[in-house]
Every structure is written in C-alpha cells, then in structure tokens.
N, C-alpha and C. Protein backbone atom coordinates (compact mmCIF):
# COMPACT_ATOMS: atom_id res chain seq x y z
N MET A 1 0.83 -1.18 0.00
CA MET A 1 0.00 0.00 0.00
C MET A 1 0.87 1.25 0.00
N LEU A 2 1.96 1.22 0.77
CA LEU A 2 2.87 2.36 0.83
C LEU A 2 3.54 2.59 -0.52
N VAL A 3 3.85 1.52 -1.22
CA VAL A 3 4.47 1.63 -2.53
C VAL A 3 3.53 2.33 -3.51
N VAL A 4 2.27 1.95 -3.48
CA VAL A 4 1.29 2.58 -4.37
C VAL A 4 1.16 4.06 -4.04
N ALA A 5 1.11 4.40 -2.75
CA ALA A 5 1.01 5.81 -2.35
C ALA A 5 2.23 6.60 -2.82
N LEU A 6 3.42 6.00 -2.70
CA LEU A 6 4.62 6.69 -3.16
C LEU A 6 4.62 6.87 -4.67
N LEU A 7 4.16 5.88 -5.40
CA LEU A 7 4.11 6.00 -6.86
C LEU A 7 3.09 7.05 -7.31
N VAL A 8 1.95 7.11 -6.63
CA VAL A 8 0.95 8.13 -6.96
C VAL A 8 1.50 9.51 -6.63
N THR A 9 2.16 9.63 -5.47
CA THR A 9 2.79 10.90 -5.09
C THR A 9 3.82 11.33 -6.13
N ALA A 10 4.61 10.38 -6.58
CA ALA A 10 5.63 10.69 -7.58
C ALA A 10 4.99 11.16 -8.88
N LEU A 11 3.91 10.51 -9.31
CA LEU A 11 3.25 10.90 -10.54
C LEU A 11 2.60 12.28 -10.44
N VAL A 12 1.92 12.53 -9.32
CA VAL A 12 1.29 13.83 -9.12
C VAL A 12 2.35 14.92 -9.04
N SER A 13 3.42 14.66 -8.30
CA SER A 13 4.50 15.64 -8.17
C SER A 13 5.15 15.92 -9.52
N LEU A 14 5.31 14.91 -10.33
CA LEU A 14 5.88 15.09 -11.66
C LEU A 14 4.98 15.98 -12.52
N CYS A 15 3.67 15.71 -12.50
CA CYS A 15 2.74 16.53 -13.29
C CYS A 15 2.73 17.97 -12.82
N VAL A 16 2.68 18.18 -11.50
CA VAL A 16 2.68 19.54 -10.96
C VAL A 16 4.00 20.23 -11.29
N GLY A 17 5.09 19.52 -11.15
CA GLY A 17 6.41 20.10 -11.44
C GLY A 17 6.55 20.50 -12.89
N LEU A 18 6.02 19.68 -13.79
CA LEU A 18 6.09 20.01 -15.21
C LEU A 18 5.17 21.17 -15.58
N LEU A 19 3.96 21.18 -14.98
CA LEU A 19 3.01 22.26 -15.28
C LEU A 19 3.49 23.61 -14.74
N LEU A 20 4.08 23.59 -13.55
CA LEU A 20 4.51 24.84 -12.93
C LEU A 20 5.98 25.16 -13.20
N SER A 21 6.66 24.28 -13.87
CA SER A 21 8.11 24.43 -14.12
C SER A 21 8.85 24.63 -12.80
N SER A 22 8.50 23.81 -11.82
CA SER A 22 9.06 23.92 -10.48
C SER A 22 10.05 22.79 -10.22
N THR A 23 11.26 23.16 -9.93
CA THR A 23 12.31 22.18 -9.64
C THR A 23 12.01 21.43 -8.35
N VAL A 24 11.41 22.10 -7.37
CA VAL A 24 11.11 21.47 -6.08
C VAL A 24 10.15 20.30 -6.28
N TRP A 25 9.09 20.48 -7.06
CA TRP A 25 8.13 19.40 -7.29
C TRP A 25 8.77 18.26 -8.07
N LEU A 26 9.65 18.57 -8.99
CA LEU A 26 10.34 17.52 -9.74
C LEU A 26 11.27 16.72 -8.84
N ILE A 27 11.91 17.39 -7.88
CA ILE A 27 12.78 16.68 -6.92
C ILE A 27 11.93 15.80 -6.00
N VAL A 28 10.77 16.30 -5.57
CA VAL A 28 9.86 15.49 -4.74
C VAL A 28 9.44 14.24 -5.52
N SER A 29 9.14 14.40 -6.81
CA SER A 29 8.77 13.27 -7.65
C SER A 29 9.90 12.25 -7.74
N LEU A 30 11.11 12.74 -7.91
CA LEU A 30 12.27 11.85 -8.00
C LEU A 30 12.49 11.10 -6.69
N VAL A 31 12.39 11.81 -5.57
CA VAL A 31 12.60 11.17 -4.25
C VAL A 31 11.52 10.11 -4.01
N ALA A 32 10.27 10.42 -4.32
CA ALA A 32 9.19 9.44 -4.13
C ALA A 32 9.39 8.22 -5.02
N SER A 33 9.85 8.44 -6.24
CA SER A 33 10.11 7.31 -7.15
C SER A 33 11.23 6.42 -6.63
N VAL A 34 12.28 7.03 -6.15
CA VAL A 34 13.42 6.25 -5.63
C VAL A 34 12.99 5.47 -4.39
N LEU A 35 12.24 6.10 -3.49
CA LEU A 35 11.77 5.38 -2.29
C LEU A 35 10.86 4.21 -2.67
N ALA A 36 9.97 4.41 -3.63
CA ALA A 36 9.11 3.31 -4.08
C ALA A 36 9.95 2.18 -4.69
N GLY A 37 10.95 2.55 -5.48
CA GLY A 37 11.83 1.53 -6.06
C GLY A 37 12.58 0.74 -5.01
N LEU A 38 13.07 1.43 -3.99
CA LEU A 38 13.78 0.74 -2.90
C LEU A 38 12.86 -0.21 -2.14
N LEU A 39 11.63 0.23 -1.89
CA LEU A 39 10.68 -0.65 -1.20
C LEU A 39 10.34 -1.87 -2.05
N ILE A 40 10.18 -1.67 -3.34
CA ILE A 40 9.91 -2.81 -4.22
C ILE A 40 11.10 -3.77 -4.23
N TYR A 41 12.30 -3.22 -4.31
CA TYR A 41 13.50 -4.09 -4.31
C TYR A 41 13.63 -4.83 -2.98
N ARG A 42 13.38 -4.13 -1.89
CA ARG A 42 13.52 -4.75 -0.57
C ARG A 42 12.51 -5.88 -0.39
N ASN A 43 11.32 -5.71 -0.93
CA ASN A 43 10.25 -6.71 -0.81
C ASN A 43 10.01 -7.43 -2.13
N ARG A 44 11.05 -7.67 -2.89
CA ARG A 44 10.90 -8.22 -4.23
C ARG A 44 10.28 -9.60 -4.25
N GLU A 45 10.38 -10.37 -3.17
CA GLU A 45 9.77 -11.70 -3.14
C GLU A 45 8.25 -11.58 -3.14
N ILE A 46 7.72 -10.52 -2.53
CA ILE A 46 6.28 -10.32 -2.49
C ILE A 46 5.77 -9.94 -3.88
N PHE A 47 6.56 -9.10 -4.59
CA PHE A 47 6.14 -8.60 -5.89
C PHE A 47 6.51 -9.54 -7.04
N ALA A 48 7.22 -10.63 -6.75
CA ALA A 48 7.67 -11.54 -7.81
C ALA A 48 6.48 -12.26 -8.44
N ILE A 49 6.56 -12.43 -9.73
CA ILE A 49 5.53 -13.15 -10.47
C ILE A 49 6.13 -14.50 -10.84
N SER A 50 5.53 -15.57 -10.35
CA SER A 50 6.07 -16.88 -10.66
C SER A 50 5.52 -17.34 -12.00
N ARG A 51 6.38 -18.04 -12.73
CA ARG A 51 5.99 -18.56 -14.03
C ARG A 51 5.32 -19.91 -13.86
N PRO A 52 4.25 -20.18 -14.61
CA PRO A 52 3.66 -21.52 -14.54
C PRO A 52 4.61 -22.52 -15.18
N PRO A 53 4.55 -23.77 -14.75
CA PRO A 53 5.43 -24.78 -15.36
C PRO A 53 5.11 -24.95 -16.84
N ARG A 54 6.13 -25.21 -17.60
CA ARG A 54 5.96 -25.39 -19.04
C ARG A 54 5.36 -26.75 -19.34
N ALA A 55 4.47 -26.77 -20.29
CA ALA A 55 3.85 -28.03 -20.70
C ALA A 55 4.85 -28.83 -21.53
N LYS A 56 4.86 -30.14 -21.31
CA LYS A 56 5.76 -31.00 -22.06
C LYS A 56 5.11 -31.33 -23.40
N ARG A 57 5.90 -31.19 -24.45
CA ARG A 57 5.42 -31.50 -25.80
C ARG A 57 5.80 -32.92 -26.16
N PRO A 58 4.90 -33.65 -26.80
CA PRO A 58 5.29 -34.99 -27.25
C PRO A 58 6.33 -34.87 -28.36
N PRO A 59 7.30 -35.76 -28.38
CA PRO A 59 8.33 -35.68 -29.41
C PRO A 59 7.75 -35.94 -30.80
N THR A 60 8.30 -35.24 -31.77
CA THR A 60 7.90 -35.50 -33.16
C THR A 60 8.53 -36.81 -33.60
N ALA A 61 8.07 -37.31 -34.73
CA ALA A 61 8.56 -38.60 -35.21
C ALA A 61 10.07 -38.55 -35.44
N LYS A 62 10.55 -37.47 -36.06
CA LYS A 62 11.97 -37.38 -36.33
C LYS A 62 12.75 -37.29 -35.02
N HIS A 63 12.25 -36.48 -34.08
CA HIS A 63 12.93 -36.32 -32.80
C HIS A 63 12.96 -37.65 -32.04
N ALA A 64 11.86 -38.39 -32.07
CA ALA A 64 11.81 -39.68 -31.38
C ALA A 64 12.85 -40.63 -31.96
N ASP A 65 13.03 -40.62 -33.29
CA ASP A 65 14.06 -41.45 -33.90
C ASP A 65 15.44 -41.04 -33.43
N ASP A 66 15.68 -39.71 -33.36
CA ASP A 66 16.97 -39.22 -32.89
C ASP A 66 17.24 -39.64 -31.46
N VAL A 67 16.20 -39.54 -30.61
CA VAL A 67 16.36 -39.93 -29.21
C VAL A 67 16.64 -41.41 -29.10
N GLU A 68 15.90 -42.22 -29.85
CA GLU A 68 16.10 -43.67 -29.82
C GLU A 68 17.50 -44.03 -30.30
N GLN A 69 17.99 -43.37 -31.36
CA GLN A 69 19.33 -43.63 -31.87
C GLN A 69 20.38 -43.26 -30.83
N THR A 70 20.16 -42.16 -30.15
CA THR A 70 21.11 -41.73 -29.11
C THR A 70 21.17 -42.76 -28.00
N LYS A 71 20.01 -43.31 -27.61
CA LYS A 71 19.98 -44.31 -26.55
C LYS A 71 20.75 -45.56 -26.97
N VAL A 72 20.61 -45.95 -28.23
CA VAL A 72 21.31 -47.13 -28.72
C VAL A 72 22.81 -46.88 -28.76
N ASP A 73 23.22 -45.69 -29.25
CA ASP A 73 24.63 -45.38 -29.36
C ASP A 73 25.29 -45.17 -28.00
N ALA A 74 24.52 -44.71 -27.01
CA ALA A 74 25.10 -44.35 -25.73
C ALA A 74 25.64 -45.58 -24.99
N GLY A 75 24.96 -46.67 -25.08
CA GLY A 75 25.42 -47.90 -24.46
C GLY A 75 25.45 -47.82 -22.94
N PRO A 76 26.45 -48.46 -22.30
CA PRO A 76 26.50 -48.53 -20.85
C PRO A 76 26.67 -47.17 -20.17
N ALA A 77 27.23 -46.20 -20.86
CA ALA A 77 27.47 -44.90 -20.22
C ALA A 77 26.15 -44.22 -19.86
N SER A 78 25.06 -44.56 -20.56
CA SER A 78 23.79 -43.90 -20.28
C SER A 78 23.11 -44.46 -19.04
N LYS A 79 23.67 -45.49 -18.43
CA LYS A 79 23.08 -46.10 -17.26
C LYS A 79 23.43 -45.35 -15.98
N ARG A 80 24.14 -44.23 -16.12
CA ARG A 80 24.45 -43.40 -14.96
C ARG A 80 23.17 -42.90 -14.32
N PRO A 81 23.08 -42.88 -12.99
CA PRO A 81 21.85 -42.39 -12.35
C PRO A 81 21.67 -40.90 -12.64
N ASP A 82 20.42 -40.49 -12.71
CA ASP A 82 20.09 -39.08 -12.98
C ASP A 82 20.26 -38.30 -11.67
N PRO A 83 21.25 -37.40 -11.61
CA PRO A 83 21.49 -36.67 -10.35
C PRO A 83 20.38 -35.66 -10.07
N ASN A 84 20.22 -35.33 -8.81
CA ASN A 84 19.24 -34.33 -8.41
C ASN A 84 19.87 -32.95 -8.41
N VAL A 85 19.09 -31.95 -8.76
CA VAL A 85 19.51 -30.55 -8.72
C VAL A 85 18.45 -29.77 -7.96
N TRP A 86 18.78 -28.55 -7.60
CA TRP A 86 17.88 -27.70 -6.81
C TRP A 86 17.36 -26.57 -7.67
N VAL A 87 16.06 -26.31 -7.61
CA VAL A 87 15.45 -25.20 -8.34
C VAL A 87 14.63 -24.36 -7.37
N VAL A 88 14.47 -23.08 -7.71
CA VAL A 88 13.65 -22.17 -6.93
C VAL A 88 12.51 -21.72 -7.83
N ASP A 89 11.28 -21.80 -7.34
CA ASP A 89 10.11 -21.43 -8.13
C ASP A 89 10.23 -20.00 -8.63
N GLY A 90 10.04 -19.83 -9.92
CA GLY A 90 10.10 -18.50 -10.53
C GLY A 90 11.49 -18.09 -10.96
N ARG A 91 12.49 -18.93 -10.74
CA ARG A 91 13.86 -18.62 -11.16
C ARG A 91 14.25 -19.54 -12.30
N PRO A 92 15.03 -19.07 -13.28
CA PRO A 92 15.27 -19.87 -14.48
C PRO A 92 16.42 -20.87 -14.38
N ARG A 93 17.16 -20.90 -13.29
CA ARG A 93 18.36 -21.74 -13.23
C ARG A 93 18.23 -22.88 -12.23
N TYR A 94 18.96 -23.98 -12.49
CA TYR A 94 19.04 -25.05 -11.51
C TYR A 94 20.45 -25.07 -10.91
N HIS A 95 20.55 -25.61 -9.68
CA HIS A 95 21.79 -25.50 -8.90
C HIS A 95 22.14 -26.83 -8.24
N ARG A 96 23.40 -26.92 -7.79
CA ARG A 96 23.81 -28.02 -6.93
C ARG A 96 23.42 -27.70 -5.50
N SER A 97 23.35 -28.71 -4.65
CA SER A 97 23.08 -28.49 -3.25
C SER A 97 24.20 -27.63 -2.65
N GLY A 98 23.84 -26.64 -1.90
CA GLY A 98 24.83 -25.78 -1.26
C GLY A 98 25.29 -24.61 -2.10
N CYS A 99 24.68 -24.37 -3.26
CA CYS A 99 25.06 -23.24 -4.10
C CYS A 99 24.78 -21.94 -3.35
N GLN A 100 25.70 -20.99 -3.42
CA GLN A 100 25.56 -19.72 -2.71
C GLN A 100 24.40 -18.90 -3.24
N ILE A 101 24.04 -19.06 -4.49
CA ILE A 101 22.98 -18.24 -5.08
C ILE A 101 21.62 -18.57 -4.47
N ILE A 102 21.34 -19.86 -4.22
CA ILE A 102 20.02 -20.19 -3.68
C ILE A 102 19.96 -19.93 -2.18
N GLY A 103 21.08 -19.98 -1.48
CA GLY A 103 21.14 -19.62 -0.06
C GLY A 103 19.97 -20.11 0.76
N ASP A 104 19.20 -19.16 1.33
CA ASP A 104 18.08 -19.49 2.22
C ASP A 104 16.74 -19.53 1.49
N GLN A 105 16.76 -19.53 0.17
CA GLN A 105 15.50 -19.55 -0.57
C GLN A 105 14.87 -20.93 -0.49
N ASP A 106 13.57 -21.00 -0.75
CA ASP A 106 12.84 -22.27 -0.73
C ASP A 106 13.13 -23.04 -2.01
N ALA A 107 14.16 -23.85 -1.97
CA ALA A 107 14.56 -24.62 -3.15
C ALA A 107 13.95 -26.02 -3.07
N VAL A 108 13.68 -26.59 -4.24
CA VAL A 108 13.10 -27.92 -4.36
C VAL A 108 14.06 -28.77 -5.17
N THR A 109 14.23 -30.01 -4.77
CA THR A 109 15.12 -30.90 -5.50
C THR A 109 14.33 -31.67 -6.55
N ILE A 110 14.88 -31.71 -7.78
CA ILE A 110 14.28 -32.47 -8.88
C ILE A 110 15.41 -33.13 -9.66
N PRO A 111 15.10 -34.17 -10.44
CA PRO A 111 16.14 -34.80 -11.27
C PRO A 111 16.65 -33.82 -12.34
N LEU A 112 17.92 -33.94 -12.68
CA LEU A 112 18.55 -33.07 -13.68
C LEU A 112 17.81 -33.15 -15.01
N SER A 113 17.39 -34.34 -15.40
CA SER A 113 16.68 -34.48 -16.68
C SER A 113 15.37 -33.71 -16.68
N GLN A 114 14.67 -33.73 -15.56
CA GLN A 114 13.41 -32.98 -15.47
C GLN A 114 13.66 -31.48 -15.52
N ALA A 115 14.73 -31.01 -14.86
CA ALA A 115 15.06 -29.58 -14.88
C ALA A 115 15.34 -29.13 -16.31
N SER A 116 16.06 -29.95 -17.07
CA SER A 116 16.34 -29.61 -18.46
C SER A 116 15.07 -29.61 -19.30
N GLU A 117 14.21 -30.61 -19.10
CA GLU A 117 12.95 -30.69 -19.85
C GLU A 117 12.03 -29.51 -19.53
N ASP A 118 12.05 -29.05 -18.28
CA ASP A 118 11.19 -27.95 -17.87
C ASP A 118 11.72 -26.59 -18.29
N GLY A 119 12.89 -26.56 -18.94
CA GLY A 119 13.41 -25.31 -19.47
C GLY A 119 14.38 -24.58 -18.55
N PHE A 120 14.77 -25.20 -17.43
CA PHE A 120 15.75 -24.57 -16.56
C PHE A 120 17.12 -24.63 -17.23
N ILE A 121 17.98 -23.67 -16.90
CA ILE A 121 19.35 -23.64 -17.42
C ILE A 121 20.31 -23.77 -16.25
N PRO A 122 21.54 -24.29 -16.48
CA PRO A 122 22.46 -24.51 -15.36
C PRO A 122 22.99 -23.20 -14.78
N CYS A 123 23.22 -23.21 -13.49
CA CYS A 123 23.82 -22.08 -12.79
C CYS A 123 25.28 -21.95 -13.24
N SER A 124 25.72 -20.74 -13.50
CA SER A 124 27.10 -20.55 -13.95
C SER A 124 28.08 -20.54 -12.78
N LEU A 125 27.59 -20.44 -11.55
CA LEU A 125 28.48 -20.43 -10.39
C LEU A 125 28.82 -21.86 -9.94
N CYS A 126 27.78 -22.68 -9.70
CA CYS A 126 28.04 -24.03 -9.17
C CYS A 126 28.17 -25.08 -10.27
N GLU A 127 27.86 -24.74 -11.52
CA GLU A 127 27.98 -25.63 -12.67
C GLU A 127 27.44 -27.04 -12.39
N PRO A 128 26.13 -27.16 -12.19
CA PRO A 128 25.58 -28.45 -11.79
C PRO A 128 25.61 -29.53 -12.87
N ASP A 129 25.83 -29.18 -14.12
CA ASP A 129 25.83 -30.22 -15.14
C ASP A 129 27.21 -30.72 -15.49
N ARG A 130 28.23 -30.24 -14.80
CA ARG A 130 29.58 -30.82 -15.01
C ARG A 130 29.59 -32.23 -14.44
N ILE A 131 30.24 -33.14 -15.11
CA ILE A 131 30.23 -34.56 -14.69
C ILE A 131 30.81 -34.72 -13.31
N ASP A 132 31.94 -34.08 -13.01
CA ASP A 132 32.53 -34.24 -11.68
C ASP A 132 31.74 -33.51 -10.61
N ALA A 133 30.90 -32.54 -11.00
CA ALA A 133 30.11 -31.80 -10.02
C ALA A 133 28.89 -32.58 -9.57
N VAL A 134 28.26 -33.34 -10.48
CA VAL A 134 27.04 -34.05 -10.14
C VAL A 134 27.28 -35.50 -9.75
N ALA A 135 28.44 -36.01 -10.01
CA ALA A 135 28.69 -37.41 -9.72
C ALA A 135 28.87 -37.64 -8.25
C-alpha cells in the first residue's frame, strides 16, 4: 500500500512540477520514485511473479528417432543415475546443493533431466551439469 502511495505521489508531483516548471516538485517526484523503487526491491519476493510450469510437448517422429538412436549409441554410459539438482520457483536456473545463489531460498530438488525438460538452465556459479560436479 505504501508503494502505491509513493508512486501516486511521484506521478502527481511530476505533473505539478512540469506544469509549474518547479524544480522542487520535480525533486519530490524523484525522491518518491526512488523510495518506491527501494521498497519494491527490498520486498521483491512479495512482488515476484512466478511462471507456470511449461507443458511438455510430445516428441515429433523425427525427434523420437533421434532420441532412440542416441539411446542405442550411448550404451552402458547412459546407465548413470540421474542426479538431483535444486530449483527455486520462478527462477530460471538449476543449482547443486549448497550453491551460494540459492542460499536461504525455498529450493526444491528435482532430477537433472526434469530440470532440463522444464526449461531450466544450469547455474554458472556451481555448474551443476559438469560430470565431476554431479557425480
């Protein structure tokens, strides 16, 4: 509620400052805008918009053939267990356990293959898809 009041104050002050050519009103508008921005940043988890999970598409005939061929060519190396990674709702990256970026956030563990299928990308800090990192 305070953020909305600050934004309205900033808008009204901007209009009055422009109409009256008053530097004081323009400075009040700037200060109100900065305070609203700081409050939004400080409470960014409240204002965050979470993305709905992406729907899985069935593979096309050509893609299914490619996947099947890859499975045949992979042989025993593909029998490696699918490691778990950590994701945070509304964030685009997946992480290893203990990554500094996820810190105290509410992270959920999912298999690496599912994270890739759902459109998550690897964290550049903890590099969860490196073989020695996930093994």
